[in-house]
Amino acid sequence: MMEALRFPWEEDDDRHEVAPSAFRPRAKRRSGLSQASRPQRKPSARRRPSVSRTAATMPIEEPVATRTTTGHASREAARDPTAGRVVKGPQRERHEPDYMLMAAAVALSALGVLMVYSSTGYEAGRAGGSVFDEVSEQLVWGLLGGLVLVLMMRIDYRYWRTFSILGIAVAVVLLVLVVGPSIPPLLQPLEVNGATRWLKIGGLPSFQPTEFAKLALVVFLAHWLARKGTDVRSFRRSLIPFVLLVAVFAGLILLEPDLGTTGVIVLTAFAMIFVAGGRIWQLAMVVPLGVAAVAAVVLMKPYMLQRVAIFLDPLADSTGAGFQTFRSIYSLAYGGITGKGLGFSQQPAGWSVPAAENDFIFAVVGQEFGFVGGMVVIGLFLVLAWRGIRVAMNAPDTFGGLLALGITAWLVFQAFINIAVVVSLIPMTGMPLPFLSKGGTSLVVVLAAVGILLSISRESVTRGASAHEDPHRSRGHRRPHLSRSGRRDPTTDPTT
């Protein structure tokens, strides 16, 4: 089934048929002639070592299924065992997914449910409610996300290429609706803490369109860059459309405003075009424009200027504007090496970290499990990054490699920004920690992205990327840092 599958965008891909000698039918021997009556061949003055005696004396009839095909090959010919393995496009035989990647994602999700229970149970008990009210909702979203992960893992990731244009169009429409006017009860953008990031459509649960926009943009960029090929080095045909597309997404998200998500999208997009083969000097030209845009946004928003001042001196206003930053740092310090234990995230005098179950959940991890627990979380994200990059390098085609790289970069950049905010390495910005922060939309979309990553890993080369990489691919040759799967292999192709 997989070997006969063809997609519309693979019409120009390199296709060839591999017919190993073991599958070539030999000609039938003549039964009417005895050994003595057969004509004797004259001894050859020069013997060819590469041709066997059987191949030299008997004709080989090439079956129809072993000839190079053009257009759509029949499924019967592809399933014929005597015709050899017919390779259409860059598909490989599927195997088991990357269980280490799956284990890291499941472990982070389970730890997230535990941390949401720990950070919300105390306040719910003080208010007279049930300590399981908040965590039960997160648990339901986690189970739903697990089902989506399994479903995405079983679906061929190439199908999402067909819906890439539709997905990015829907993402742009949703981002416009978030910053647009409210039309109750049909359309209601929700404002929380001065930012409009949630959207409620009719009777459906509220969700964050930015989470869906991240995945839609990664899928579309992987498809678009794969179609560009070597044209990705062109300034007019690639860099200008790329910058315009990313600018549209970044501008809509800045209107919410959400500077952290904007940074994640921009970093992920530039990582993808760099790996696809974009020229470094062209990408460097865009950096000053991005810095100027961020500076303009910060200058126009007084509270962002205040956050920059708090970042420079967190203790200057510990009871006012710097309250959240001060509490997060104090929480990490109060946890020590091994932490205070599960459920003991309350600091002396009843202090707690604001938004502990969302943006600052890493501070709760540090206080309850200490430095050891924080390093475990960081280690799981490093495992996720390692396995994701490995899947990208061993992907069967350029689209799969770019898609895996984009998903990995998105998750790693978002986790790095969230943790950097908690430990005050960068100015404060609202950014959920993937897998751990409370929120159904974020958890389901992140697990869906991991499911696509696992789908790509099912067709990767288990022995490593070095067996099928182009030995001459490098930045000096201006080629992408990906495998050249799907092309002719001189070691297995009898026609070369």
Protein backbone atom coordinates (compact mmCIF):
# COMPACT_ATOMS: atom_id res chain seq x y z
CA MET A 1 0.00 0.00 0.00
CA MET A 2 2.74 2.42 0.95
CA GLU A 3 4.87 1.60 -2.05
CA ALA A 4 2.08 2.38 -4.53
CA LEU A 5 1.10 5.64 -2.87
CA ARG A 6 1.70 8.80 -4.87
CA PHE A 7 1.05 12.40 -4.07
CA PRO A 8 0.36 15.28 -6.48
CA TRP A 9 3.54 17.15 -5.58
CA GLU A 10 5.73 14.12 -6.33
CA GLU A 11 5.15 14.22 -10.11
CA ASP A 12 8.67 15.59 -10.70
CA ASP A 13 10.42 13.51 -8.05
CA ASP A 14 13.11 11.05 -9.07
CA ARG A 15 11.52 7.64 -9.58
CA HIS A 16 13.20 4.43 -10.58
CA GLU A 17 12.58 0.76 -10.27
CA VAL A 18 15.01 -1.42 -8.44
CA ALA A 19 15.06 -4.98 -9.70
CA PRO A 20 17.70 -6.94 -7.79
CA SER A 21 19.27 -9.89 -9.52
CA ALA A 22 17.66 -12.24 -7.01
CA PHE A 23 14.21 -11.28 -8.33
CA ARG A 24 15.06 -11.48 -12.04
CA PRO A 25 13.51 -14.60 -13.60
CA ARG A 26 15.98 -16.70 -15.50
CA ALA A 27 15.24 -18.10 -18.94
CA LYS A 28 14.09 -21.70 -19.09
CA ARG A 29 16.74 -24.24 -20.06
CA ARG A 30 16.33 -26.12 -23.32
CA SER A 31 15.18 -29.59 -22.41
CA GLY A 32 15.42 -31.01 -25.97
CA LEU A 33 19.19 -30.69 -26.23
CA SER A 34 21.66 -32.80 -24.38
CA GLN A 35 24.95 -31.54 -23.04
CA ALA A 36 26.85 -33.12 -25.91
CA SER A 37 24.55 -31.81 -28.67
CA ARG A 38 24.65 -28.19 -27.49
CA PRO A 39 26.83 -25.91 -29.58
CA GLN A 40 30.19 -25.32 -28.00
CA ARG A 41 31.28 -21.74 -27.41
CA LYS A 42 34.71 -20.72 -28.54
CA PRO A 43 37.00 -19.82 -25.69
CA SER A 44 36.99 -16.09 -25.22
CA ALA A 45 40.30 -14.33 -25.35
CA ARG A 46 39.22 -11.92 -22.65
CA ARG A 47 36.90 -12.78 -19.82
CA ARG A 48 34.75 -10.13 -18.23
CA PRO A 49 34.90 -10.55 -14.48
CA SER A 50 31.74 -8.52 -13.83
CA VAL A 51 29.47 -10.83 -15.89
CA SER A 52 28.69 -14.33 -14.71
CA ARG A 53 28.84 -17.37 -17.01
CA THR A 54 25.09 -17.87 -16.72
CA ALA A 55 24.37 -14.27 -17.68
CA ALA A 56 26.76 -14.54 -20.64
CA THR A 57 25.33 -17.76 -22.10
CA MET A 58 21.60 -17.44 -21.45
CA PRO A 59 19.30 -14.60 -22.45
CA ILE A 60 17.39 -12.74 -19.75
CA GLU A 61 13.88 -11.65 -20.52
CA GLU A 62 13.14 -8.42 -18.72
CA PRO A 63 9.66 -8.53 -17.21
CA VAL A 64 7.28 -5.70 -17.88
CA ALA A 65 7.16 -4.66 -14.23
CA THR A 66 10.93 -4.04 -14.08
CA ARG A 67 10.98 -1.44 -16.82
CA THR A 68 11.07 2.24 -15.94
CA THR A 69 7.51 3.49 -15.75
CA THR A 70 6.10 6.89 -16.53
CA GLY A 71 2.80 8.11 -15.16
CA HIS A 72 0.75 6.04 -12.75
CA ALA A 73 1.94 2.44 -12.27
CA SER A 74 -0.65 -0.18 -11.50
CA ARG A 75 -0.96 -1.54 -8.00
CA GLU A 76 -0.70 -5.10 -9.33
CA ALA A 77 2.73 -4.41 -10.78
CA ALA A 78 3.88 -2.81 -7.54
CA ARG A 79 2.79 -5.87 -5.57
CA ASP A 80 4.36 -8.38 -7.93
CA PRO A 81 7.22 -10.05 -6.00
CA THR A 82 8.99 -11.06 -9.21
CA ALA A 83 9.26 -7.48 -10.36
CA GLY A 84 11.36 -6.31 -7.45
CA ARG A 85 10.67 -3.36 -5.20
CA VAL A 86 9.15 -0.41 -7.03
CA VAL A 87 10.16 2.90 -5.45
CA LYS A 88 7.78 5.81 -6.03
CA GLY A 89 9.01 8.98 -4.44
CA PRO A 90 10.91 9.08 -1.16
CA GLN A 91 8.78 6.61 0.81
CA ARG A 92 10.36 3.91 2.92
CA GLU A 93 9.07 0.84 4.64
CA ARG A 94 7.51 1.80 7.95
CA HIS A 95 8.86 0.57 11.26
CA GLU A 96 8.32 1.33 14.92
CA PRO A 97 8.23 4.99 15.98
CA ASP A 98 10.86 6.69 18.13
CA TYR A 99 9.84 5.42 21.57
CA MET A 100 12.38 7.61 23.35
CA LEU A 101 10.76 10.69 21.84
CA MET A 102 7.34 9.38 22.80
CA ALA A 103 8.47 8.64 26.34
CA ALA A 104 9.84 12.17 26.80
CA ALA A 105 6.56 13.72 25.62
CA VAL A 106 4.44 11.43 27.82
CA ALA A 107 6.66 12.07 30.85
CA LEU A 108 6.42 15.85 30.43
CA SER A 109 2.63 15.67 30.00
CA ALA A 110 2.21 13.50 33.10
CA LEU A 111 4.44 15.83 35.10
CA GLY A 112 2.35 18.75 33.85
CA VAL A 113 -0.88 17.22 35.17
CA LEU A 114 0.82 16.61 38.52
CA MET A 115 2.10 20.19 38.70
CA VAL A 116 -1.30 21.65 37.83
CA TYR A 117 -2.82 19.63 40.65
CA SER A 118 -0.12 20.77 43.06
CA SER A 119 -0.28 24.46 42.11
CA THR A 120 -4.09 24.76 42.11
CA GLY A 121 -5.13 22.35 44.87
CA TYR A 122 -4.06 24.58 47.76
CA GLU A 123 -5.96 27.63 46.55
CA ALA A 124 -9.03 25.55 45.71
CA GLY A 125 -9.01 24.05 49.22
CA ARG A 126 -8.77 27.48 50.81
CA ALA A 127 -11.73 28.66 48.73
CA GLY A 128 -13.85 25.76 49.93
CA GLY A 129 -13.91 23.91 46.62
CA SER A 130 -12.63 20.53 45.53
CA VAL A 131 -8.91 20.15 44.98
CA PHE A 132 -9.64 18.04 41.88
CA ASP A 133 -11.71 20.65 40.03
CA GLU A 134 -8.80 22.19 38.14
CA VAL A 135 -6.72 19.08 37.59
CA SER A 136 -9.67 17.02 36.32
CA GLU A 137 -10.08 19.37 33.38
CA GLN A 138 -6.36 19.22 32.59
CA LEU A 139 -6.46 15.42 32.86
CA VAL A 140 -9.31 15.24 30.33
CA TRP A 141 -7.37 17.45 27.91
CA GLY A 142 -4.30 15.28 28.43
CA LEU A 143 -6.20 12.10 27.57
CA LEU A 144 -7.68 13.76 24.50
CA GLY A 145 -4.21 14.92 23.49
CA GLY A 146 -2.90 11.37 23.90
CA LEU A 147 -5.57 10.06 21.51
CA VAL A 148 -4.68 12.79 19.02
CA LEU A 149 -1.00 11.85 19.32
CA VAL A 150 -1.71 8.22 18.48
CA LEU A 151 -3.96 9.23 15.58
CA MET A 152 -1.38 11.60 14.12
CA MET A 153 1.31 8.96 14.52
CA ARG A 154 -0.68 6.45 12.49
CA ILE A 155 -1.51 8.89 9.66
CA ASP A 156 1.05 9.39 6.91
CA TYR A 157 2.52 12.83 7.55
CA ARG A 158 2.52 13.60 3.80
CA TYR A 159 -1.27 14.00 3.86
CA TRP A 160 -0.90 17.19 5.90
CA ARG A 161 0.96 18.68 2.94
CA THR A 162 -2.31 18.62 1.02
CA PHE A 163 -3.99 20.77 3.67
CA SER A 164 -1.08 23.15 4.25
CA ILE A 165 -2.57 26.05 2.29
CA LEU A 166 -6.00 25.55 3.85
CA GLY A 167 -4.47 25.35 7.31
CA ILE A 168 -2.54 28.59 7.01
CA ALA A 169 -5.62 30.37 5.60
CA VAL A 170 -7.71 29.23 8.56
CA ALA A 171 -4.96 30.30 10.97
CA VAL A 172 -4.86 33.82 9.51
CA VAL A 173 -8.65 34.12 9.72
CA LEU A 174 -8.66 33.03 13.37
CA LEU A 175 -5.90 35.48 14.25
CA VAL A 176 -7.89 38.28 12.60
CA LEU A 177 -11.02 37.30 14.53
CA VAL A 178 -9.12 37.45 17.84
CA VAL A 179 -8.12 41.08 17.36
CA GLY A 180 -11.42 41.97 15.68
CA PRO A 181 -14.68 43.17 17.22
CA SER A 182 -16.91 40.97 19.33
CA ILE A 183 -20.17 39.66 17.85
CA PRO A 184 -21.99 37.97 20.77
CA PRO A 185 -23.02 35.24 21.09
CA LEU A 186 -21.49 34.00 17.83
CA LEU A 187 -17.99 35.43 18.19
CA GLN A 188 -16.41 36.59 21.44
CA PRO A 189 -12.69 37.41 21.81
CA LEU A 190 -11.75 37.08 25.48
CA GLU A 191 -9.37 39.49 27.22
CA VAL A 192 -7.26 38.18 30.12
CA ASN A 193 -4.74 40.37 31.98
CA GLY A 194 -4.80 43.03 29.29
CA ALA A 195 -4.18 40.61 26.38
CA THR A 196 -6.77 39.23 23.96
CA ARG A 197 -5.52 35.75 23.15
CA TRP A 198 -8.62 33.60 23.56
CA LEU A 199 -11.52 33.15 21.17
CA LYS A 200 -14.96 31.67 21.83
CA ILE A 201 -17.06 30.69 18.84
CA GLY A 202 -20.70 29.91 19.64
CA GLY A 203 -21.09 27.19 22.24
CA LEU A 204 -17.64 25.72 21.67
CA PRO A 205 -14.99 25.87 24.41
CA SER A 206 -12.68 28.87 24.25
CA PHE A 207 -9.28 28.26 22.64
CA GLN A 208 -6.09 30.07 21.67
CA PRO A 209 -5.73 30.53 17.88
CA THR A 210 -2.01 31.22 18.27
CA GLU A 211 -1.39 27.59 19.24
CA PHE A 212 -3.02 26.35 16.04
CA ALA A 213 -1.22 29.07 14.06
CA LYS A 214 2.19 27.75 15.14
CA LEU A 215 1.51 24.27 13.78
CA ALA A 216 -0.15 25.56 10.60
CA LEU A 217 2.79 27.85 9.84
CA VAL A 218 5.35 25.07 10.38
CA VAL A 219 3.48 22.69 8.03
CA PHE A 220 3.10 25.34 5.34
CA LEU A 221 6.71 26.50 5.52
CA ALA A 222 7.93 22.89 5.27
CA HIS A 223 5.81 22.40 2.15
CA TRP A 224 6.77 25.75 0.61
CA LEU A 225 10.50 25.42 1.24
CA ALA A 226 10.53 21.84 -0.04
CA ARG A 227 8.89 22.99 -3.28
CA LYS A 228 11.40 25.82 -3.66
CA GLY A 229 14.39 23.50 -3.70
CA THR A 230 17.52 25.39 -4.73
CA ASP A 231 15.45 28.53 -5.36
CA VAL A 232 15.45 29.04 -1.61
CA ARG A 233 18.71 30.96 -2.14
CA SER A 234 16.94 33.53 -4.33
CA PHE A 235 16.37 36.92 -2.73
CA ARG A 236 13.35 37.85 -4.85
CA ARG A 237 11.61 34.47 -5.19
CA SER A 238 12.18 33.15 -1.68
CA LEU A 239 13.40 35.61 0.92
CA ILE A 240 10.92 38.41 0.17
CA PRO A 241 7.80 36.14 0.19
CA PHE A 242 9.14 34.40 3.30
CA VAL A 243 9.60 37.67 5.18
CA LEU A 244 6.16 38.92 4.15
CA LEU A 245 4.45 35.73 5.30
CA VAL A 246 6.20 35.68 8.65
CA ALA A 247 5.55 39.42 9.07
CA VAL A 248 1.81 38.88 8.62
CA PHE A 249 1.72 36.25 11.36
CA ALA A 250 4.01 38.25 13.65
CA GLY A 251 1.99 41.43 13.17
CA LEU A 252 -1.34 39.77 13.96
CA ILE A 253 0.06 38.15 17.10
CA LEU A 254 1.66 41.42 18.24
CA LEU A 255 -1.77 43.07 18.08
CA GLU A 256 -3.06 40.75 20.83
CA PRO A 257 -0.33 41.57 22.18
CA ASP A 258 1.89 38.49 22.60
CA LEU A 259 5.57 39.26 22.19
CA GLY A 260 6.73 35.83 23.41
CA THR A 261 4.76 33.85 20.81
CA THR A 262 5.94 36.26 18.15
CA GLY A 263 9.53 35.49 19.07
CA VAL A 264 8.90 31.74 18.92
CA ILE A 265 7.32 31.96 15.45
CA VAL A 266 10.10 34.15 14.04
CA LEU A 267 12.90 31.98 15.46
CA THR A 268 11.26 28.79 14.21
CA ALA A 269 10.70 30.18 10.72
CA PHE A 270 14.29 31.40 10.38
CA ALA A 271 15.62 28.05 11.61
CA MET A 272 13.61 26.29 8.91
CA ILE A 273 14.74 28.49 6.03
CA PHE A 274 18.36 28.25 7.22
CA VAL A 275 18.24 24.45 7.25
CA ALA A 276 16.49 24.48 3.87
CA GLY A 277 19.55 26.17 2.37
CA GLY A 278 18.94 29.90 2.74
CA ARG A 279 21.93 32.17 2.47
CA ILE A 280 23.25 33.44 5.78
CA TRP A 281 23.98 36.95 4.54
CA GLN A 282 20.41 37.34 3.30
CA LEU A 283 18.99 36.22 6.64
CA ALA A 284 21.39 38.56 8.44
CA MET A 285 19.93 41.47 6.48
CA VAL A 286 16.52 40.85 8.05
CA VAL A 287 17.80 40.82 11.65
CA PRO A 288 18.06 44.63 11.98
CA LEU A 289 14.51 44.98 10.70
CA GLY A 290 13.27 42.54 13.33
CA VAL A 291 15.15 44.28 16.12
CA ALA A 292 13.75 47.65 15.03
CA ALA A 293 10.20 46.24 14.97
CA VAL A 294 10.53 44.82 18.48
CA ALA A 295 11.98 48.08 19.78
CA ALA A 296 9.09 50.03 18.25
CA VAL A 297 6.53 47.76 19.89
CA VAL A 298 8.24 48.00 23.28
CA LEU A 299 8.39 51.80 23.07
CA MET A 300 4.70 52.01 22.21
CA LYS A 301 3.66 49.84 25.17
CA PRO A 302 4.45 51.44 28.57
CA TYR A 303 4.08 48.18 30.49
CA MET A 304 6.68 46.55 28.24
CA LEU A 305 9.15 49.30 29.08
CA GLN A 306 8.39 48.65 32.73
CA ARG A 307 9.15 44.95 32.28
CA VAL A 308 12.51 45.81 30.74
CA ALA A 309 13.33 47.99 33.74
CA ILE A 310 12.31 45.19 36.13
CA PHE A 311 14.51 42.77 34.20
CA LEU A 312 17.50 45.06 34.72
CA ASP A 313 16.79 45.32 38.48
CA PRO A 314 14.27 42.69 39.74
CA LEU A 315 14.47 43.92 43.36
CA ALA A 316 13.74 47.56 42.56
CA ASP A 317 9.97 47.13 42.96
CA SER A 318 9.43 43.74 44.57
CA THR A 319 5.92 44.59 45.81
CA GLY A 320 4.73 46.37 42.67
CA ALA A 321 5.60 45.82 39.04
CA GLY A 322 8.36 43.33 39.91
CA PHE A 323 6.19 41.24 42.21
CA GLN A 324 5.87 38.28 39.83
CA THR A 325 9.55 38.20 38.87
CA PHE A 326 10.63 38.48 42.50
CA ARG A 327 8.30 35.66 43.62
CA SER A 328 9.49 33.31 40.87
CA ILE A 329 13.17 33.82 41.76
CA TYR A 330 12.42 33.45 45.46
CA SER A 331 10.47 30.25 44.79
CA LEU A 332 13.41 28.66 42.97
CA ALA A 333 15.80 29.68 45.74
CA TYR A 334 13.44 28.42 48.46
CA GLY A 335 13.32 24.96 46.84
CA GLY A 336 17.03 24.33 47.29
CA ILE A 337 18.61 21.18 45.89
CA THR A 338 15.89 18.58 46.50
CA GLY A 339 12.82 20.79 47.00
CA LYS A 340 10.16 21.03 49.71
CA GLY A 341 8.05 18.14 48.44
CA LEU A 342 4.95 17.72 46.35
CA GLY A 343 2.19 20.11 47.38
CA PHE A 344 4.45 22.39 49.46
CA SER A 345 4.76 25.21 46.95
CA GLN A 346 3.56 27.87 49.40
CA GLN A 347 6.28 30.16 50.60
CA PRO A 348 6.49 31.62 54.14
CA ALA A 349 3.74 34.11 55.09
CA GLY A 350 1.42 32.44 52.57
CA TRP A 351 3.15 33.89 49.53
CA SER A 352 2.65 32.17 46.21
CA VAL A 353 3.75 32.71 42.63
CA PRO A 354 1.12 34.46 40.47
CA ALA A 355 -0.03 32.39 37.48
CA ALA A 356 1.79 29.41 38.95
CA GLU A 357 -0.24 26.88 36.95
CA ASN A 358 0.36 28.66 33.63
CA ASP A 359 3.38 30.74 32.69
CA PHE A 360 5.36 30.23 35.93
CA ILE A 361 4.80 26.52 36.48
CA PHE A 362 8.56 25.92 36.25
CA ALA A 363 8.94 27.93 39.47
CA VAL A 364 6.57 25.47 41.18
CA VAL A 365 8.67 22.57 39.87
CA GLY A 366 11.81 24.21 41.27
CA GLN A 367 10.27 24.82 44.67
CA GLU A 368 8.69 21.41 45.16
CA PHE A 369 11.41 19.27 43.52
CA GLY A 370 14.35 21.63 43.82
CA PHE A 371 17.29 21.95 41.50
CA VAL A 372 17.11 18.23 40.73
CA GLY A 373 13.52 18.46 39.53
CA GLY A 374 14.26 21.50 37.38
CA MET A 375 17.18 19.72 35.73
CA VAL A 376 14.99 16.69 35.06
CA VAL A 377 12.51 18.89 33.19
CA ILE A 378 15.29 20.56 31.22
CA GLY A 379 16.81 17.14 30.50
CA LEU A 380 13.51 15.87 29.08
CA PHE A 381 13.34 18.85 26.75
CA LEU A 382 16.93 18.18 25.68
CA VAL A 383 15.98 14.58 24.90
CA LEU A 384 13.05 15.91 22.89
CA ALA A 385 15.40 18.20 20.97
CA TRP A 386 17.95 15.44 20.35
CA ARG A 387 15.44 12.91 19.06
CA GLY A 388 13.59 15.53 17.01
CA ILE A 389 16.79 16.61 15.24
CA ARG A 390 17.65 12.96 14.66
CA VAL A 391 14.25 12.38 13.06
CA ALA A 392 14.77 15.44 10.86
CA MET A 393 18.17 14.22 9.70
CA ASN A 394 16.87 10.71 8.93
CA ALA A 395 13.58 11.78 7.31
CA PRO A 396 12.72 10.11 3.98
CA ASP A 397 12.20 13.41 2.11
CA THR A 398 12.91 17.11 2.39
CA PHE A 399 9.36 17.95 3.44
CA GLY A 400 9.53 15.47 6.31
CA GLY A 401 12.93 16.74 7.39
CA LEU A 402 11.84 20.38 7.41
CA LEU A 403 8.58 19.53 9.17
CA ALA A 404 10.41 17.60 11.90
CA LEU A 405 12.94 20.38 12.31
CA GLY A 406 10.20 23.02 12.51
CA ILE A 407 8.22 21.16 15.18
CA THR A 408 11.35 20.51 17.23
CA ALA A 409 12.53 24.11 16.99
CA TRP A 410 9.10 25.42 17.95
CA LEU A 411 8.85 23.29 21.11
CA VAL A 412 12.46 23.88 22.18
CA PHE A 413 12.39 27.64 21.58
CA GLN A 414 9.13 27.99 23.48
CA ALA A 415 10.43 25.98 26.44
CA PHE A 416 13.67 27.97 26.49
CA ILE A 417 11.83 31.32 26.50
CA ASN A 418 9.48 30.21 29.28
CA ILE A 419 12.27 28.95 31.53
CA ALA A 420 14.41 32.01 30.75
CA VAL A 421 11.57 34.27 31.92
CA VAL A 422 11.16 32.33 35.16
CA VAL A 423 14.86 32.57 36.04
CA SER A 424 14.96 36.22 34.86
CA LEU A 425 17.34 35.74 31.93
CA ILE A 426 15.05 37.74 29.63
CA PRO A 427 12.27 40.30 30.29
CA MET A 428 8.97 38.84 31.43
CA THR A 429 6.48 37.77 28.79
CA GLY A 430 3.46 35.48 28.87
CA MET A 431 4.44 32.12 27.44
CA PRO A 432 3.12 28.67 28.46
CA LEU A 433 5.63 25.90 29.06
CA PRO A 434 4.90 23.11 26.53
CA PHE A 435 3.33 19.97 28.06
CA LEU A 436 3.39 21.38 31.62
CA SER A 437 1.37 24.60 31.71
CA LYS A 438 -2.35 24.48 32.24
CA GLY A 439 -4.40 24.89 29.06
CA GLY A 440 -6.28 22.47 26.85
CA THR A 441 -5.49 24.12 23.53
CA SER A 442 -1.75 24.19 24.11
CA LEU A 443 -1.57 20.60 25.37
CA VAL A 444 -3.63 19.09 22.54
CA VAL A 445 -1.82 21.00 19.78
CA VAL A 446 1.61 20.17 21.21
CA LEU A 447 0.78 16.47 21.48
CA ALA A 448 -0.60 16.54 17.92
CA ALA A 449 2.71 18.02 16.74
CA VAL A 450 4.62 15.27 18.54
CA GLY A 451 2.35 12.73 16.83
CA ILE A 452 3.35 14.11 13.42
CA LEU A 453 6.98 13.92 14.52
CA LEU A 454 6.49 10.26 15.43
CA SER A 455 4.86 9.61 12.05
CA ILE A 456 8.00 10.90 10.36
CA SER A 457 10.16 8.75 12.64
CA ARG A 458 8.35 5.62 11.45
CA GLU A 459 9.99 6.02 8.03
CA SER A 460 13.42 7.16 9.15
CA VAL A 461 16.57 5.12 8.68
CA THR A 462 17.24 3.17 11.86
CA ARG A 463 20.97 2.78 11.24
CA GLY A 464 21.58 6.55 11.15
CA ALA A 465 21.67 9.35 8.63
CA SER A 466 25.25 8.73 7.50
CA ALA A 467 24.19 5.80 5.33
CA HIS A 468 22.07 7.87 2.96
CA GLU A 469 23.33 11.44 3.22
CA ASP A 470 24.90 13.31 0.36
CA PRO A 471 28.65 13.32 1.21
CA HIS A 472 29.07 16.70 -0.51
CA ARG A 473 26.18 18.50 1.18
CA SER A 474 27.35 21.46 3.24
CA ARG A 475 26.86 25.17 3.60
CA GLY A 476 29.72 25.63 1.15
CA HIS A 477 27.68 23.90 -1.55
CA ARG A 478 24.56 25.85 -0.46
CA ARG A 479 22.54 22.71 -0.03
CA PRO A 480 20.12 21.95 2.77
CA HIS A 481 21.30 20.15 5.91
CA LEU A 482 19.01 17.22 5.09
CA SER A 483 19.23 13.81 3.50
CA ARG A 484 18.94 13.32 -0.23
CA SER A 485 16.50 10.43 0.10
CA GLY A 486 14.45 9.45 -2.90
CA ARG A 487 17.30 9.91 -5.37
CA ARG A 488 19.11 7.18 -7.22
CA ASP A 489 21.53 5.09 -5.22
CA PRO A 490 24.40 3.79 -7.38
CA THR A 491 24.96 0.86 -5.04
CA THR A 492 21.46 -0.54 -5.52
CA ASP A 493 20.33 0.86 -8.86
CA PRO A 494 21.29 -1.56 -11.68
CA THR A 495 20.89 1.19 -14.29
CA THR A 496 23.87 3.22 -12.96
